[in-house]
Amino acid sequence: MALEFNEQLSRLQKPDRAEMTDEEYAVFAKNVEVMEKNWGFINNLFKVLPLNAKQYIGFLNFKGSLFNDSCWLTDAQKEMIGVVVSSYNCCSYCLTTHGDNLRGMWKNAELVDKLSYNYRSCKGLLSDVDYALCEYAWFVTANPREIDAVQVEKLREVGLNDHEILEAAFVAGFFNYTNRWVSTIAPVANSGHFSHNRNFD
């Protein structure tokens, strides 16, 4: 499936392949190969962002620095943070896509749904570390003016080291960053994300 830009998928104009260099287009096409393999479709957001090619590549590099094999938190923990942040920010697109990702990792659609509605309903269902990460993600999203040393100490109390705490801060910040511009451009969520990763029997 070739990466094409022939659909109107956001509030912005469609990307123009003629405005991209071959090198830029190759980066974009390679990025969606994994989506096609895992989901059978390309996440619509990645058909929108090539409108500003260099900034999109910057976004991919930022994302890649947080989601790779040398990170401290698990991918599931980072997706969990993303769902909690997106829930507070009412970013329906990010809730749809990252909820799908997390369902695939947890193999528990009900728990992910509870997390997206109200992370507090997952108390006792998550590990102490994961619940503390959820509380942290919610607090720094809802109360940026009130962030202080207490948030760091709460994460240390459940056993997280400073590498993990810094990564949690980067991830919470990353999803707050993406929620704001994703909500602005309003990409159309793929229908496949809603039903994907829900049945594990």
N, C-alpha and C. Protein backbone atom coordinates (compact mmCIF):
# COMPACT_ATOMS: atom_id res chain seq x y z
N MET A 1 0.85 -1.19 0.00
CA MET A 1 0.00 0.00 0.00
C MET A 1 0.89 1.24 0.00
N ALA A 2 0.85 2.01 -1.07
CA ALA A 2 1.67 3.21 -1.16
C ALA A 2 1.09 4.32 -0.29
N LEU A 3 1.96 5.15 0.24
CA LEU A 3 1.52 6.29 1.03
C LEU A 3 1.04 7.39 0.10
N GLU A 4 -0.26 7.68 0.16
CA GLU A 4 -0.86 8.68 -0.71
C GLU A 4 -1.53 9.76 0.12
N PHE A 5 -1.79 10.89 -0.50
CA PHE A 5 -2.36 12.04 0.20
C PHE A 5 -3.58 12.56 -0.54
N ASN A 6 -4.44 11.64 -0.98
CA ASN A 6 -5.58 12.03 -1.81
C ASN A 6 -6.89 12.17 -1.04
N GLU A 7 -6.85 12.00 0.29
CA GLU A 7 -8.07 12.13 1.10
C GLU A 7 -7.99 13.38 1.96
N GLN A 8 -9.15 14.00 2.19
CA GLN A 8 -9.22 15.14 3.11
C GLN A 8 -9.44 14.58 4.51
N LEU A 9 -8.41 14.58 5.34
CA LEU A 9 -8.45 13.87 6.62
C LEU A 9 -8.29 14.78 7.83
N SER A 10 -8.29 16.09 7.63
CA SER A 10 -8.15 17.01 8.76
C SER A 10 -8.72 18.37 8.37
N ARG A 11 -8.59 19.33 9.27
CA ARG A 11 -9.03 20.70 8.98
C ARG A 11 -8.07 21.43 8.04
N LEU A 12 -6.92 20.84 7.80
CA LEU A 12 -5.90 21.48 6.98
C LEU A 12 -5.92 20.94 5.56
N GLN A 13 -5.22 21.62 4.67
CA GLN A 13 -5.12 21.14 3.30
C GLN A 13 -4.35 19.83 3.24
N LYS A 14 -4.57 19.08 2.18
CA LYS A 14 -3.86 17.82 2.00
C LYS A 14 -2.38 18.08 1.68
N PRO A 15 -1.49 17.22 2.16
CA PRO A 15 -0.08 17.36 1.78
C PRO A 15 0.09 17.22 0.27
N ASP A 16 1.12 17.84 -0.24
CA ASP A 16 1.43 17.78 -1.67
C ASP A 16 2.75 17.04 -1.84
N ARG A 17 2.68 15.87 -2.48
CA ARG A 17 3.89 15.07 -2.69
C ARG A 17 4.97 15.87 -3.41
N ALA A 18 4.57 16.79 -4.27
CA ALA A 18 5.54 17.57 -5.05
C ALA A 18 6.36 18.52 -4.17
N GLU A 19 5.86 18.82 -2.97
CA GLU A 19 6.59 19.72 -2.07
C GLU A 19 7.61 18.98 -1.21
N MET A 20 7.62 17.65 -1.29
CA MET A 20 8.53 16.84 -0.48
C MET A 20 9.71 16.39 -1.32
N THR A 21 10.86 16.31 -0.68
CA THR A 21 12.00 15.69 -1.37
C THR A 21 11.79 14.17 -1.37
N ASP A 22 12.51 13.48 -2.23
CA ASP A 22 12.42 12.02 -2.25
C ASP A 22 12.88 11.44 -0.92
N GLU A 23 13.87 12.07 -0.31
CA GLU A 23 14.37 11.59 0.99
C GLU A 23 13.30 11.73 2.06
N GLU A 24 12.60 12.86 2.07
CA GLU A 24 11.53 13.06 3.05
C GLU A 24 10.41 12.05 2.83
N TYR A 25 10.00 11.87 1.59
CA TYR A 25 8.92 10.92 1.32
C TYR A 25 9.33 9.51 1.73
N ALA A 26 10.58 9.14 1.52
CA ALA A 26 11.06 7.81 1.91
C ALA A 26 10.96 7.61 3.42
N VAL A 27 11.25 8.65 4.19
CA VAL A 27 11.11 8.58 5.65
C VAL A 27 9.66 8.35 6.03
N PHE A 28 8.75 9.09 5.39
CA PHE A 28 7.33 8.97 5.71
C PHE A 28 6.80 7.58 5.34
N ALA A 29 7.20 7.09 4.18
CA ALA A 29 6.72 5.78 3.72
C ALA A 29 7.22 4.67 4.63
N LYS A 30 8.49 4.76 5.05
CA LYS A 30 9.04 3.73 5.93
C LYS A 30 8.35 3.74 7.29
N ASN A 31 8.00 4.93 7.77
CA ASN A 31 7.36 5.05 9.07
C ASN A 31 6.03 4.32 9.13
N VAL A 32 5.31 4.26 8.01
CA VAL A 32 3.98 3.64 8.04
C VAL A 32 4.02 2.14 7.73
N GLU A 33 5.19 1.62 7.38
CA GLU A 33 5.28 0.18 7.09
C GLU A 33 4.87 -0.66 8.29
N VAL A 34 5.31 -0.25 9.48
CA VAL A 34 4.99 -1.01 10.69
C VAL A 34 3.49 -0.97 10.96
N MET A 35 2.85 0.17 10.70
CA MET A 35 1.40 0.28 10.90
C MET A 35 0.67 -0.69 9.99
N GLU A 36 1.07 -0.72 8.74
CA GLU A 36 0.42 -1.63 7.78
C GLU A 36 0.59 -3.08 8.22
N LYS A 37 1.77 -3.40 8.73
CA LYS A 37 2.05 -4.77 9.15
C LYS A 37 1.23 -5.14 10.38
N ASN A 38 1.15 -4.23 11.36
CA ASN A 38 0.48 -4.53 12.62
C ASN A 38 -1.03 -4.36 12.56
N TRP A 39 -1.50 -3.35 11.83
CA TRP A 39 -2.91 -3.02 11.84
C TRP A 39 -3.62 -3.34 10.53
N GLY A 40 -2.87 -3.36 9.44
CA GLY A 40 -3.48 -3.53 8.14
C GLY A 40 -3.96 -2.23 7.53
N PHE A 41 -3.65 -1.10 8.17
CA PHE A 41 -4.01 0.21 7.65
C PHE A 41 -3.02 1.24 8.17
N ILE A 42 -3.03 2.42 7.56
CA ILE A 42 -2.14 3.51 7.96
C ILE A 42 -2.92 4.50 8.83
N ASN A 43 -2.41 4.77 10.01
CA ASN A 43 -2.99 5.77 10.89
C ASN A 43 -3.13 7.09 10.12
N ASN A 44 -4.35 7.62 10.09
CA ASN A 44 -4.62 8.80 9.26
C ASN A 44 -3.76 10.02 9.60
N LEU A 45 -3.38 10.15 10.87
CA LEU A 45 -2.56 11.30 11.25
C LEU A 45 -1.29 11.38 10.41
N PHE A 46 -0.75 10.22 10.07
CA PHE A 46 0.52 10.18 9.36
C PHE A 46 0.36 10.41 7.85
N LYS A 47 -0.88 10.62 7.43
CA LYS A 47 -1.15 11.09 6.08
C LYS A 47 -1.40 12.60 6.06
N VAL A 48 -1.48 13.19 7.25
CA VAL A 48 -1.74 14.62 7.39
C VAL A 48 -0.45 15.40 7.66
N LEU A 49 0.39 14.86 8.55
CA LEU A 49 1.57 15.60 9.01
C LEU A 49 2.61 15.90 7.94
N PRO A 50 2.72 15.13 6.86
CA PRO A 50 3.71 15.49 5.84
C PRO A 50 3.47 16.85 5.19
N LEU A 51 2.36 17.52 5.53
CA LEU A 51 2.13 18.88 5.03
C LEU A 51 3.32 19.78 5.35
N ASN A 52 3.87 19.64 6.57
CA ASN A 52 5.09 20.36 6.97
C ASN A 52 6.18 19.31 7.17
N ALA A 53 6.85 18.98 6.11
CA ALA A 53 7.72 17.81 6.10
C ALA A 53 8.83 17.85 7.14
N LYS A 54 9.54 18.95 7.24
CA LYS A 54 10.68 19.01 8.17
C LYS A 54 10.22 18.94 9.62
N GLN A 55 9.10 19.59 9.94
CA GLN A 55 8.58 19.53 11.31
C GLN A 55 8.08 18.13 11.62
N TYR A 56 7.50 17.48 10.65
CA TYR A 56 7.04 16.10 10.84
C TYR A 56 8.22 15.18 11.13
N ILE A 57 9.32 15.35 10.43
CA ILE A 57 10.50 14.54 10.70
C ILE A 57 11.03 14.82 12.10
N GLY A 58 10.98 16.08 12.53
CA GLY A 58 11.37 16.42 13.90
C GLY A 58 10.49 15.71 14.92
N PHE A 59 9.19 15.66 14.65
CA PHE A 59 8.26 14.95 15.52
C PHE A 59 8.60 13.46 15.59
N LEU A 60 8.88 12.85 14.44
CA LEU A 60 9.22 11.43 14.41
C LEU A 60 10.49 11.16 15.21
N ASN A 61 11.46 12.05 15.12
CA ASN A 61 12.70 11.87 15.88
C ASN A 61 12.46 11.99 17.38
N PHE A 62 11.62 12.95 17.77
CA PHE A 62 11.26 13.12 19.18
C PHE A 62 10.55 11.87 19.68
N LYS A 63 9.57 11.41 18.94
CA LYS A 63 8.83 10.21 19.32
C LYS A 63 9.77 9.01 19.41
N GLY A 64 10.68 8.88 18.44
CA GLY A 64 11.61 7.77 18.45
C GLY A 64 12.54 7.77 19.64
N SER A 65 12.85 8.96 20.18
CA SER A 65 13.72 9.03 21.36
C SER A 65 13.02 8.52 22.61
N LEU A 66 11.70 8.49 22.59
CA LEU A 66 10.92 8.04 23.75
C LEU A 66 10.42 6.62 23.63
N PHE A 67 10.34 6.12 22.41
CA PHE A 67 9.86 4.76 22.18
C PHE A 67 10.93 3.98 21.42
N ASN A 68 11.82 3.35 22.18
CA ASN A 68 12.88 2.54 21.57
C ASN A 68 13.37 1.52 22.59
N ASP A 69 14.22 0.62 22.16
CA ASP A 69 14.65 -0.49 23.01
C ASP A 69 15.57 -0.09 24.15
N SER A 70 16.09 1.13 24.14
CA SER A 70 17.02 1.55 25.19
C SER A 70 16.36 2.41 26.26
N CYS A 71 15.04 2.49 26.25
CA CYS A 71 14.33 3.32 27.22
C CYS A 71 14.21 2.61 28.57
N TRP A 72 13.79 3.37 29.58
CA TRP A 72 13.69 2.83 30.93
C TRP A 72 12.28 2.32 31.25
N LEU A 73 11.27 3.05 30.90
CA LEU A 73 9.90 2.58 31.10
C LEU A 73 9.52 1.64 29.97
N THR A 74 8.53 0.79 30.22
CA THR A 74 8.05 -0.10 29.16
C THR A 74 7.19 0.69 28.18
N ASP A 75 7.04 0.17 26.98
CA ASP A 75 6.15 0.82 26.01
C ASP A 75 4.73 0.88 26.56
N ALA A 76 4.31 -0.17 27.27
CA ALA A 76 2.96 -0.18 27.84
C ALA A 76 2.79 0.94 28.86
N GLN A 77 3.80 1.16 29.69
CA GLN A 77 3.71 2.25 30.66
C GLN A 77 3.61 3.60 29.97
N LYS A 78 4.34 3.76 28.88
CA LYS A 78 4.29 5.04 28.16
C LYS A 78 2.96 5.23 27.44
N GLU A 79 2.42 4.16 26.88
CA GLU A 79 1.09 4.27 26.26
C GLU A 79 0.04 4.55 27.33
N MET A 80 0.20 3.95 28.50
CA MET A 80 -0.71 4.20 29.62
C MET A 80 -0.69 5.67 30.01
N ILE A 81 0.50 6.25 30.12
CA ILE A 81 0.61 7.68 30.41
C ILE A 81 -0.09 8.49 29.32
N GLY A 82 0.10 8.08 28.07
CA GLY A 82 -0.54 8.77 26.96
C GLY A 82 -2.06 8.74 27.04
N VAL A 83 -2.61 7.62 27.45
CA VAL A 83 -4.07 7.51 27.57
C VAL A 83 -4.58 8.41 28.70
N VAL A 84 -3.87 8.43 29.83
CA VAL A 84 -4.31 9.27 30.95
C VAL A 84 -4.23 10.76 30.58
N VAL A 85 -3.14 11.17 29.98
CA VAL A 85 -3.00 12.57 29.56
C VAL A 85 -4.07 12.94 28.54
N SER A 86 -4.29 12.07 27.57
CA SER A 86 -5.28 12.34 26.52
C SER A 86 -6.69 12.36 27.07
N SER A 87 -6.94 11.57 28.12
CA SER A 87 -8.25 11.59 28.76
C SER A 87 -8.51 12.95 29.39
N TYR A 88 -7.53 13.47 30.13
CA TYR A 88 -7.71 14.79 30.73
C TYR A 88 -7.91 15.86 29.66
N ASN A 89 -7.13 15.78 28.60
CA ASN A 89 -7.18 16.80 27.55
C ASN A 89 -8.31 16.61 26.55
N CYS A 90 -9.10 15.55 26.73
CA CYS A 90 -10.22 15.26 25.82
C CYS A 90 -9.77 15.19 24.37
N CYS A 91 -8.61 14.59 24.15
CA CYS A 91 -8.11 14.41 22.78
C CYS A 91 -8.63 13.07 22.27
N SER A 92 -9.76 13.10 21.61
CA SER A 92 -10.41 11.85 21.20
C SER A 92 -9.56 11.05 20.22
N TYR A 93 -8.83 11.75 19.35
CA TYR A 93 -8.01 11.03 18.37
C TYR A 93 -6.91 10.24 19.08
N CYS A 94 -6.20 10.89 20.01
CA CYS A 94 -5.12 10.20 20.71
C CYS A 94 -5.66 9.10 21.62
N LEU A 95 -6.81 9.31 22.23
CA LEU A 95 -7.43 8.24 23.02
C LEU A 95 -7.74 7.04 22.14
N THR A 96 -8.22 7.29 20.94
CA THR A 96 -8.58 6.20 20.03
C THR A 96 -7.35 5.40 19.61
N THR A 97 -6.31 6.08 19.19
CA THR A 97 -5.14 5.37 18.67
C THR A 97 -4.28 4.76 19.77
N HIS A 98 -4.05 5.51 20.83
CA HIS A 98 -3.19 4.97 21.90
C HIS A 98 -3.94 3.99 22.78
N GLY A 99 -5.26 4.13 22.86
CA GLY A 99 -6.05 3.09 23.51
C GLY A 99 -5.94 1.78 22.77
N ASP A 100 -5.96 1.84 21.45
CA ASP A 100 -5.77 0.65 20.61
C ASP A 100 -4.40 0.03 20.89
N ASN A 101 -3.36 0.85 20.89
CA ASN A 101 -2.01 0.35 21.17
C ASN A 101 -1.95 -0.34 22.53
N LEU A 102 -2.51 0.30 23.55
CA LEU A 102 -2.43 -0.24 24.90
C LEU A 102 -3.24 -1.52 25.04
N ARG A 103 -4.39 -1.59 24.39
CA ARG A 103 -5.16 -2.85 24.42
C ARG A 103 -4.32 -4.00 23.87
N GLY A 104 -3.58 -3.73 22.81
CA GLY A 104 -2.74 -4.76 22.23
C GLY A 104 -1.62 -5.20 23.16
N MET A 105 -1.15 -4.30 23.99
CA MET A 105 -0.06 -4.62 24.92
C MET A 105 -0.57 -5.30 26.18
N TRP A 106 -1.66 -4.79 26.72
CA TRP A 106 -2.20 -5.35 27.96
C TRP A 106 -3.06 -6.59 27.72
N LYS A 107 -3.59 -6.73 26.52
CA LYS A 107 -4.52 -7.82 26.21
C LYS A 107 -5.72 -7.79 27.17
N ASN A 108 -6.17 -6.57 27.47
CA ASN A 108 -7.27 -6.38 28.42
C ASN A 108 -8.03 -5.11 28.03
N ALA A 109 -9.00 -5.27 27.14
CA ALA A 109 -9.73 -4.12 26.61
C ALA A 109 -10.53 -3.41 27.70
N GLU A 110 -11.10 -4.18 28.63
CA GLU A 110 -11.91 -3.58 29.68
C GLU A 110 -11.08 -2.65 30.56
N LEU A 111 -9.88 -3.07 30.92
CA LEU A 111 -9.03 -2.25 31.77
C LEU A 111 -8.61 -0.97 31.05
N VAL A 112 -8.31 -1.06 29.77
CA VAL A 112 -7.93 0.14 29.01
C VAL A 112 -9.12 1.09 28.91
N ASP A 113 -10.32 0.56 28.71
CA ASP A 113 -11.50 1.43 28.67
C ASP A 113 -11.68 2.14 30.00
N LYS A 114 -11.53 1.42 31.10
CA LYS A 114 -11.65 2.05 32.42
C LYS A 114 -10.61 3.15 32.59
N LEU A 115 -9.40 2.87 32.16
CA LEU A 115 -8.32 3.86 32.26
C LEU A 115 -8.66 5.12 31.48
N SER A 116 -9.23 4.96 30.31
CA SER A 116 -9.53 6.12 29.46
C SER A 116 -10.70 6.92 30.01
N TYR A 117 -11.63 6.26 30.71
CA TYR A 117 -12.77 6.98 31.29
C TYR A 117 -12.36 7.72 32.56
N ASN A 118 -11.63 7.02 33.43
CA ASN A 118 -11.24 7.59 34.73
C ASN A 118 -10.16 6.69 35.32
N TYR A 119 -8.92 7.15 35.29
CA TYR A 119 -7.82 6.29 35.73
C TYR A 119 -7.99 5.84 37.18
N ARG A 120 -8.72 6.61 37.99
CA ARG A 120 -8.91 6.23 39.40
C ARG A 120 -9.70 4.94 39.55
N SER A 121 -10.50 4.60 38.53
CA SER A 121 -11.26 3.35 38.59
C SER A 121 -10.34 2.14 38.45
N CYS A 122 -9.08 2.37 38.13
CA CYS A 122 -8.11 1.27 37.97
C CYS A 122 -7.29 1.04 39.23
N LYS A 123 -7.55 1.79 40.28
CA LYS A 123 -6.80 1.59 41.53
C LYS A 123 -7.08 0.18 42.05
N GLY A 124 -6.04 -0.54 42.37
CA GLY A 124 -6.17 -1.93 42.80
C GLY A 124 -6.08 -2.91 41.64
N LEU A 125 -6.25 -2.40 40.42
CA LEU A 125 -6.13 -3.25 39.23
C LEU A 125 -4.77 -3.08 38.57
N LEU A 126 -4.11 -1.96 38.86
CA LEU A 126 -2.77 -1.70 38.34
C LEU A 126 -1.75 -1.91 39.44
N SER A 127 -0.51 -2.13 39.07
CA SER A 127 0.57 -2.20 40.06
C SER A 127 0.73 -0.83 40.71
N ASP A 128 1.38 -0.81 41.88
CA ASP A 128 1.61 0.46 42.56
C ASP A 128 2.40 1.43 41.68
N VAL A 129 3.38 0.90 40.95
CA VAL A 129 4.19 1.74 40.07
C VAL A 129 3.33 2.34 38.96
N ASP A 130 2.54 1.49 38.31
CA ASP A 130 1.72 1.99 37.20
C ASP A 130 0.68 2.99 37.68
N TYR A 131 0.08 2.74 38.83
CA TYR A 131 -0.92 3.68 39.32
C TYR A 131 -0.26 5.02 39.68
N ALA A 132 0.94 4.96 40.26
CA ALA A 132 1.66 6.20 40.58
C ALA A 132 2.00 6.98 39.31
N LEU A 133 2.35 6.28 38.24
CA LEU A 133 2.61 6.95 36.97
C LEU A 133 1.35 7.62 36.43
N CYS A 134 0.21 6.96 36.60
CA CYS A 134 -1.06 7.55 36.18
C CYS A 134 -1.37 8.81 36.98
N GLU A 135 -1.18 8.72 38.30
CA GLU A 135 -1.43 9.89 39.14
C GLU A 135 -0.51 11.05 38.75
N TYR A 136 0.74 10.72 38.49
CA TYR A 136 1.69 11.76 38.07
C TYR A 136 1.25 12.39 36.75
N ALA A 137 0.92 11.56 35.77
CA ALA A 137 0.53 12.06 34.45
C ALA A 137 -0.69 12.98 34.55
N TRP A 138 -1.66 12.58 35.34
CA TRP A 138 -2.87 13.39 35.51
C TRP A 138 -2.53 14.71 36.20
N PHE A 139 -1.73 14.64 37.27
CA PHE A 139 -1.43 15.85 38.04
C PHE A 139 -0.69 16.88 37.20
N VAL A 140 0.36 16.46 36.50
CA VAL A 140 1.16 17.45 35.76
C VAL A 140 0.40 18.00 34.56
N THR A 141 -0.59 17.25 34.08
CA THR A 141 -1.43 17.74 32.98
C THR A 141 -2.45 18.74 33.50
N ALA A 142 -3.06 18.41 34.63
CA ALA A 142 -4.13 19.25 35.17
C ALA A 142 -3.62 20.45 35.96
N ASN A 143 -2.42 20.33 36.54
CA ASN A 143 -1.94 21.35 37.47
C ASN A 143 -0.50 21.80 37.18
N PRO A 144 -0.22 22.28 35.99
CA PRO A 144 1.17 22.61 35.66
C PRO A 144 1.78 23.67 36.57
N ARG A 145 0.96 24.56 37.13
CA ARG A 145 1.49 25.62 37.99
C ARG A 145 1.82 25.11 39.39
N GLU A 146 1.37 23.91 39.71
CA GLU A 146 1.55 23.39 41.07
C GLU A 146 2.57 22.26 41.14
N ILE A 147 3.26 21.98 40.06
CA ILE A 147 4.26 20.91 40.06
C ILE A 147 5.41 21.30 40.98
N ASP A 148 5.78 20.37 41.88
CA ASP A 148 6.91 20.63 42.77
C ASP A 148 7.61 19.31 43.09
N ALA A 149 8.46 19.32 44.10
CA ALA A 149 9.26 18.14 44.44
C ALA A 149 8.41 16.97 44.90
N VAL A 150 7.21 17.24 45.35
CA VAL A 150 6.34 16.16 45.85
C VAL A 150 6.08 15.12 44.76
N GLN A 151 5.90 15.58 43.53
CA GLN A 151 5.61 14.63 42.45
C GLN A 151 6.79 13.69 42.22
N VAL A 152 8.00 14.20 42.31
CA VAL A 152 9.18 13.35 42.15
C VAL A 152 9.28 12.35 43.30
N GLU A 153 9.05 12.82 44.52
CA GLU A 153 9.17 11.94 45.68
C GLU A 153 8.13 10.82 45.66
N LYS A 154 6.93 11.12 45.19
CA LYS A 154 5.90 10.08 45.10
C LYS A 154 6.32 8.97 44.14
N LEU A 155 6.98 9.34 43.06
CA LEU A 155 7.44 8.33 42.11
C LEU A 155 8.61 7.54 42.68
N ARG A 156 9.48 8.21 43.43
CA ARG A 156 10.58 7.49 44.09
C ARG A 156 10.05 6.51 45.13
N GLU A 157 8.98 6.89 45.81
CA GLU A 157 8.43 6.04 46.88
C GLU A 157 7.95 4.69 46.37
N VAL A 158 7.56 4.61 45.10
CA VAL A 158 7.11 3.33 44.56
C VAL A 158 8.24 2.58 43.86
N GLY A 159 9.46 3.13 43.95
CA GLY A 159 10.61 2.40 43.44
C GLY A 159 11.17 2.86 42.12
N LEU A 160 10.64 3.92 41.56
CA LEU A 160 11.17 4.41 40.28
C LEU A 160 12.49 5.16 40.51
N ASN A 161 13.46 4.93 39.62
CA ASN A 161 14.72 5.65 39.74
C ASN A 161 14.64 6.95 38.93
N ASP A 162 15.69 7.74 39.01
CA ASP A 162 15.63 9.06 38.39
C ASP A 162 15.62 9.02 36.87
N HIS A 163 16.24 7.99 36.26
CA HIS A 163 16.14 7.83 34.81
C HIS A 163 14.67 7.61 34.42
N GLU A 164 13.98 6.76 35.17
CA GLU A 164 12.58 6.45 34.87
C GLU A 164 11.69 7.66 35.11
N ILE A 165 11.99 8.41 36.16
CA ILE A 165 11.19 9.60 36.47
C ILE A 165 11.34 10.65 35.37
N LEU A 166 12.57 10.87 34.92
CA LEU A 166 12.77 11.84 33.84
C LEU A 166 12.07 11.39 32.57
N GLU A 167 12.12 10.10 32.29
CA GLU A 167 11.43 9.61 31.10
C GLU A 167 9.92 9.78 31.23
N ALA A 168 9.39 9.52 32.43
CA ALA A 168 7.95 9.74 32.65
C ALA A 168 7.58 11.19 32.40
N ALA A 169 8.45 12.11 32.83
CA ALA A 169 8.19 13.53 32.61
C ALA A 169 8.23 13.87 31.12
N PHE A 170 9.22 13.32 30.41
CA PHE A 170 9.29 13.54 28.96
C PHE A 170 8.03 13.01 28.28
N VAL A 171 7.59 11.82 28.67
CA VAL A 171 6.44 11.19 28.01
C VAL A 171 5.16 11.97 28.30
N ALA A 172 4.95 12.37 29.55
CA ALA A 172 3.76 13.16 29.88
C ALA A 172 3.78 14.48 29.10
N GLY A 173 4.95 15.10 29.01
CA GLY A 173 5.06 16.33 28.24
C GLY A 173 4.82 16.10 26.76
N PHE A 174 5.33 14.99 26.24
CA PHE A 174 5.16 14.66 24.83
C PHE A 174 3.68 14.53 24.47
N PHE A 175 2.93 13.82 25.30
CA PHE A 175 1.51 13.64 24.98
C PHE A 175 0.71 14.93 25.17
N ASN A 176 1.08 15.76 26.14
CA ASN A 176 0.42 17.06 26.23
C ASN A 176 0.70 17.90 24.99
N TYR A 177 1.92 17.83 24.52
CA TYR A 177 2.30 18.53 23.28
C TYR A 177 1.50 18.02 22.09
N THR A 178 1.43 16.71 21.92
CA THR A 178 0.71 16.19 20.76
C THR A 178 -0.79 16.42 20.87
N ASN A 179 -1.35 16.29 22.07
CA ASN A 179 -2.79 16.49 22.23
C ASN A 179 -3.23 17.86 21.72
N ARG A 180 -2.43 18.86 21.97
CA ARG A 180 -2.83 20.22 21.62
C ARG A 180 -2.84 20.45 20.11
N TRP A 181 -1.80 19.98 19.43
CA TRP A 181 -1.85 20.22 17.98
C TRP A 181 -2.72 19.21 17.26
N VAL A 182 -2.85 18.00 17.79
CA VAL A 182 -3.77 17.04 17.17
C VAL A 182 -5.20 17.54 17.28
N SER A 183 -5.58 18.05 18.45
CA SER A 183 -6.94 18.58 18.60
C SER A 183 -7.17 19.79 17.69
N THR A 184 -6.13 20.56 17.44
CA THR A 184 -6.24 21.72 16.56
C THR A 184 -6.53 21.31 15.12
N ILE A 185 -5.79 20.32 14.62
CA ILE A 185 -5.96 19.95 13.21
C ILE A 185 -7.06 18.92 13.01
N ALA A 186 -7.48 18.23 14.09
CA ALA A 186 -8.63 17.31 14.06
C ALA A 186 -8.57 16.26 12.96
N PRO A 187 -7.56 15.39 12.99
CA PRO A 187 -7.54 14.31 12.01
C PRO A 187 -8.70 13.35 12.22
N VAL A 188 -9.13 12.72 11.15
CA VAL A 188 -10.22 11.74 11.22
C VAL A 188 -9.64 10.41 11.68
N ALA A 189 -10.15 9.88 12.77
CA ALA A 189 -9.65 8.61 13.29
C ALA A 189 -10.05 7.46 12.37
N ASN A 190 -9.14 6.52 12.17
CA ASN A 190 -9.46 5.33 11.38
C ASN A 190 -10.53 4.51 12.09
N SER A 191 -11.54 4.07 11.37
CA SER A 191 -12.58 3.25 11.99
C SER A 191 -12.00 1.97 12.57
N GLY A 192 -10.92 1.47 11.97
CA GLY A 192 -10.32 0.24 12.46
C GLY A 192 -9.79 0.32 13.87
N HIS A 193 -9.39 1.51 14.32
CA HIS A 193 -8.85 1.65 15.68
C HIS A 193 -9.90 1.34 16.75
N PHE A 194 -11.17 1.60 16.46
CA PHE A 194 -12.20 1.43 17.49
C PHE A 194 -12.43 -0.03 17.84
N SER A 195 -12.34 -0.90 16.85
CA SER A 195 -12.61 -2.32 17.08
C SER A 195 -11.36 -3.17 17.23
N HIS A 196 -10.21 -2.62 16.90
CA HIS A 196 -8.97 -3.39 16.91
C HIS A 196 -8.51 -3.69 18.34
N ASN A 197 -7.92 -4.85 18.54
CA ASN A 197 -7.37 -5.27 19.83
C ASN A 197 -8.43 -5.28 20.94
N ARG A 198 -9.58 -5.88 20.65
CA ARG A 198 -10.62 -5.99 21.67
C ARG A 198 -10.96 -7.43 22.03
N ASN A 199 -10.63 -8.37 21.20
CA ASN A 199 -10.97 -9.77 21.47
C ASN A 199 -9.70 -10.60 21.54
N PHE A 200 -9.46 -11.19 22.71
CA PHE A 200 -8.23 -11.95 22.92
C PHE A 200 -8.49 -13.39 23.33
N ASP A 201 -9.71 -13.87 23.11
CA ASP A 201 -10.04 -15.26 23.47
C ASP A 201 -9.42 -16.23 22.46
